[in-house]
Amino acid sequence: MLKELVKAVGVPVKDNAITNVVEIYEHPSGAIHFMASNNDSRVRDFDMERFHLSKHFYFPWPINDTREWEQ
């Protein structure tokens, strides 16, 4: 399902860009979200229930990982 979701929402925008990490998590609102980090220098946060782009961040470098590491 996640592969179809990523294709449906257009992650990433460049044809040769790569999605490096997709993290599924529970948003503080209780909704299930996924965050995709890409080598097109963008991080996108989506609401999975509504297939809605919630947040879109731009960086001057490729984003390889957005996961929060637990110790």
N, C-alpha and C. Protein backbone atom coordinates (compact mmCIF):
# COMPACT_ATOMS: atom_id res chain seq x y z
N MET A 1 0.82 -1.20 0.00
CA MET A 1 0.00 0.00 0.00
C MET A 1 0.87 1.26 0.00
N LEU A 2 1.95 1.25 0.75
CA LEU A 2 2.78 2.45 0.85
C LEU A 2 3.38 2.82 -0.50
N LYS A 3 3.79 1.83 -1.28
CA LYS A 3 4.35 2.11 -2.61
C LYS A 3 3.31 2.82 -3.47
N GLU A 4 2.07 2.38 -3.44
CA GLU A 4 1.00 3.01 -4.21
C GLU A 4 0.73 4.42 -3.69
N LEU A 5 0.80 4.60 -2.38
CA LEU A 5 0.58 5.92 -1.79
C LEU A 5 1.65 6.90 -2.23
N VAL A 6 2.90 6.47 -2.19
CA VAL A 6 4.00 7.34 -2.60
C VAL A 6 3.85 7.72 -4.06
N LYS A 7 3.47 6.79 -4.92
CA LYS A 7 3.26 7.10 -6.34
C LYS A 7 2.09 8.07 -6.51
N ALA A 8 1.03 7.88 -5.75
CA ALA A 8 -0.17 8.69 -5.89
C ALA A 8 0.06 10.14 -5.51
N VAL A 9 0.92 10.38 -4.53
CA VAL A 9 1.13 11.75 -4.07
C VAL A 9 2.30 12.44 -4.75
N GLY A 10 3.01 11.74 -5.61
CA GLY A 10 4.06 12.37 -6.40
C GLY A 10 5.35 12.64 -5.65
N VAL A 11 5.81 11.71 -4.88
CA VAL A 11 7.08 11.85 -4.17
C VAL A 11 8.12 11.08 -4.94
N PRO A 12 9.22 11.65 -5.27
CA PRO A 12 9.59 13.06 -5.34
C PRO A 12 9.17 13.69 -6.67
N VAL A 13 9.48 14.98 -6.86
CA VAL A 13 9.02 15.68 -8.06
C VAL A 13 9.93 15.49 -9.26
N LYS A 14 11.21 15.25 -9.04
CA LYS A 14 12.13 15.06 -10.16
C LYS A 14 12.10 13.60 -10.60
N ASP A 15 12.17 13.37 -11.92
CA ASP A 15 12.13 12.01 -12.44
C ASP A 15 13.27 11.14 -11.94
N ASN A 16 14.44 11.72 -11.74
CA ASN A 16 15.60 10.94 -11.32
C ASN A 16 15.85 11.01 -9.81
N ALA A 17 14.94 11.60 -9.06
CA ALA A 17 15.11 11.72 -7.61
C ALA A 17 14.77 10.40 -6.93
N ILE A 18 15.32 10.22 -5.76
CA ILE A 18 15.15 8.98 -5.00
C ILE A 18 14.54 9.31 -3.64
N THR A 19 13.54 8.52 -3.24
CA THR A 19 13.02 8.62 -1.89
C THR A 19 13.91 7.75 -1.01
N ASN A 20 14.60 8.36 -0.07
CA ASN A 20 15.57 7.64 0.76
C ASN A 20 14.94 6.94 1.96
N VAL A 21 14.03 7.61 2.64
CA VAL A 21 13.40 7.05 3.83
C VAL A 21 11.94 7.46 3.87
N VAL A 22 11.08 6.52 4.25
CA VAL A 22 9.68 6.82 4.53
C VAL A 22 9.43 6.34 5.96
N GLU A 23 9.02 7.27 6.80
CA GLU A 23 8.73 6.93 8.19
C GLU A 23 7.24 7.13 8.44
N ILE A 24 6.59 6.10 8.95
CA ILE A 24 5.17 6.18 9.31
C ILE A 24 5.09 6.42 10.81
N TYR A 25 4.28 7.40 11.21
CA TYR A 25 4.20 7.73 12.63
C TYR A 25 2.82 8.29 12.97
N GLU A 26 2.53 8.33 14.26
CA GLU A 26 1.28 8.93 14.73
C GLU A 26 1.53 10.40 15.04
N HIS A 27 0.82 11.28 14.35
CA HIS A 27 0.91 12.72 14.55
C HIS A 27 0.31 13.05 15.92
N PRO A 28 0.74 14.14 16.57
CA PRO A 28 0.15 14.52 17.86
C PRO A 28 -1.38 14.65 17.83
N SER A 29 -1.95 14.91 16.65
CA SER A 29 -3.41 15.00 16.53
C SER A 29 -4.08 13.64 16.59
N GLY A 30 -3.27 12.57 16.48
CA GLY A 30 -3.82 11.21 16.47
C GLY A 30 -3.89 10.62 15.08
N ALA A 31 -3.73 11.44 14.05
CA ALA A 31 -3.77 10.96 12.66
C ALA A 31 -2.48 10.22 12.33
N ILE A 32 -2.56 9.25 11.42
CA ILE A 32 -1.38 8.53 10.95
C ILE A 32 -0.78 9.31 9.79
N HIS A 33 0.50 9.62 9.89
CA HIS A 33 1.22 10.38 8.87
C HIS A 33 2.40 9.56 8.37
N PHE A 34 2.92 9.95 7.20
CA PHE A 34 4.23 9.46 6.82
C PHE A 34 5.07 10.63 6.36
N MET A 35 6.37 10.54 6.65
CA MET A 35 7.32 11.57 6.26
C MET A 35 8.30 10.93 5.29
N ALA A 36 8.48 11.57 4.13
CA ALA A 36 9.39 11.07 3.11
C ALA A 36 10.55 12.03 2.94
N SER A 37 11.76 11.51 3.01
CA SER A 37 12.96 12.32 2.76
C SER A 37 13.55 11.89 1.43
N ASN A 38 14.00 12.89 0.65
CA ASN A 38 14.39 12.63 -0.73
C ASN A 38 15.69 13.32 -1.09
N ASN A 39 16.33 12.82 -2.15
CA ASN A 39 17.54 13.47 -2.61
C ASN A 39 17.23 14.66 -3.52
N ASP A 40 15.96 15.05 -3.65
CA ASP A 40 15.62 16.29 -4.35
C ASP A 40 15.58 17.47 -3.38
N SER A 41 16.18 17.28 -2.20
CA SER A 41 16.34 18.32 -1.17
C SER A 41 15.04 18.72 -0.50
N ARG A 42 14.11 17.79 -0.43
CA ARG A 42 12.82 18.09 0.17
C ARG A 42 12.41 17.01 1.17
N VAL A 43 11.66 17.43 2.16
CA VAL A 43 11.03 16.52 3.11
C VAL A 43 9.55 16.83 3.06
N ARG A 44 8.75 15.78 2.92
CA ARG A 44 7.30 15.95 2.83
C ARG A 44 6.62 15.14 3.91
N ASP A 45 5.61 15.74 4.53
CA ASP A 45 4.83 15.08 5.56
C ASP A 45 3.40 14.96 5.06
N PHE A 46 2.88 13.73 5.04
CA PHE A 46 1.54 13.47 4.50
C PHE A 46 0.63 12.87 5.56
N ASP A 47 -0.64 13.28 5.52
CA ASP A 47 -1.70 12.64 6.28
C ASP A 47 -2.13 11.43 5.46
N MET A 48 -1.96 10.23 5.99
CA MET A 48 -2.24 9.02 5.22
C MET A 48 -3.73 8.77 5.01
N GLU A 49 -4.57 9.19 5.93
CA GLU A 49 -6.01 8.96 5.78
C GLU A 49 -6.61 9.79 4.66
N ARG A 50 -6.13 11.03 4.52
CA ARG A 50 -6.70 11.94 3.52
C ARG A 50 -5.82 12.09 2.29
N PHE A 51 -4.66 11.41 2.25
CA PHE A 51 -3.69 11.56 1.15
C PHE A 51 -3.39 13.04 0.93
N HIS A 52 -3.16 13.75 2.03
CA HIS A 52 -2.99 15.20 2.02
C HIS A 52 -1.57 15.56 2.42
N LEU A 53 -0.93 16.44 1.64
CA LEU A 53 0.39 16.95 1.99
C LEU A 53 0.22 17.95 3.13
N SER A 54 0.73 17.61 4.31
CA SER A 54 0.57 18.47 5.48
C SER A 54 1.66 19.52 5.59
N LYS A 55 2.91 19.09 5.36
CA LYS A 55 4.05 20.00 5.45
C LYS A 55 5.03 19.67 4.34
N HIS A 56 5.75 20.70 3.90
CA HIS A 56 6.72 20.54 2.82
C HIS A 56 7.92 21.42 3.15
N PHE A 57 9.07 20.80 3.36
CA PHE A 57 10.28 21.52 3.74
C PHE A 57 11.30 21.46 2.62
N TYR A 58 11.98 22.57 2.35
CA TYR A 58 13.03 22.66 1.33
C TYR A 58 14.37 22.88 2.02
N PHE A 59 15.40 22.21 1.52
CA PHE A 59 16.75 22.36 2.05
C PHE A 59 17.73 22.57 0.90
N PRO A 60 18.90 23.16 1.17
CA PRO A 60 19.90 23.36 0.11
C PRO A 60 20.74 22.11 -0.15
N TRP A 61 20.39 20.98 0.45
CA TRP A 61 21.15 19.73 0.26
C TRP A 61 20.18 18.55 0.23
N PRO A 62 20.58 17.42 -0.32
CA PRO A 62 19.73 16.22 -0.32
C PRO A 62 19.51 15.71 1.11
N ILE A 63 18.33 15.20 1.36
CA ILE A 63 17.97 14.69 2.68
C ILE A 63 18.03 13.17 2.64
N ASN A 64 18.93 12.60 3.43
CA ASN A 64 19.11 11.16 3.41
C ASN A 64 18.29 10.43 4.46
N ASP A 65 17.98 11.09 5.57
CA ASP A 65 17.27 10.39 6.64
C ASP A 65 16.57 11.40 7.54
N THR A 66 15.34 11.08 7.95
CA THR A 66 14.60 11.95 8.86
C THR A 66 14.14 11.20 10.10
N ARG A 67 14.54 9.95 10.22
CA ARG A 67 14.08 9.14 11.35
C ARG A 67 14.63 9.66 12.67
N GLU A 68 13.82 9.51 13.70
CA GLU A 68 14.26 9.85 15.05
C GLU A 68 14.87 8.59 15.65
N TRP A 69 16.09 8.70 16.12
CA TRP A 69 16.78 7.53 16.67
C TRP A 69 16.54 7.44 18.16
N GLU A 70 16.14 6.25 18.61
CA GLU A 70 15.96 6.01 20.04
C GLU A 70 17.22 5.40 20.60
N GLN A 71 17.57 5.78 21.82
CA GLN A 71 18.78 5.25 22.45
C GLN A 71 18.44 4.25 23.51
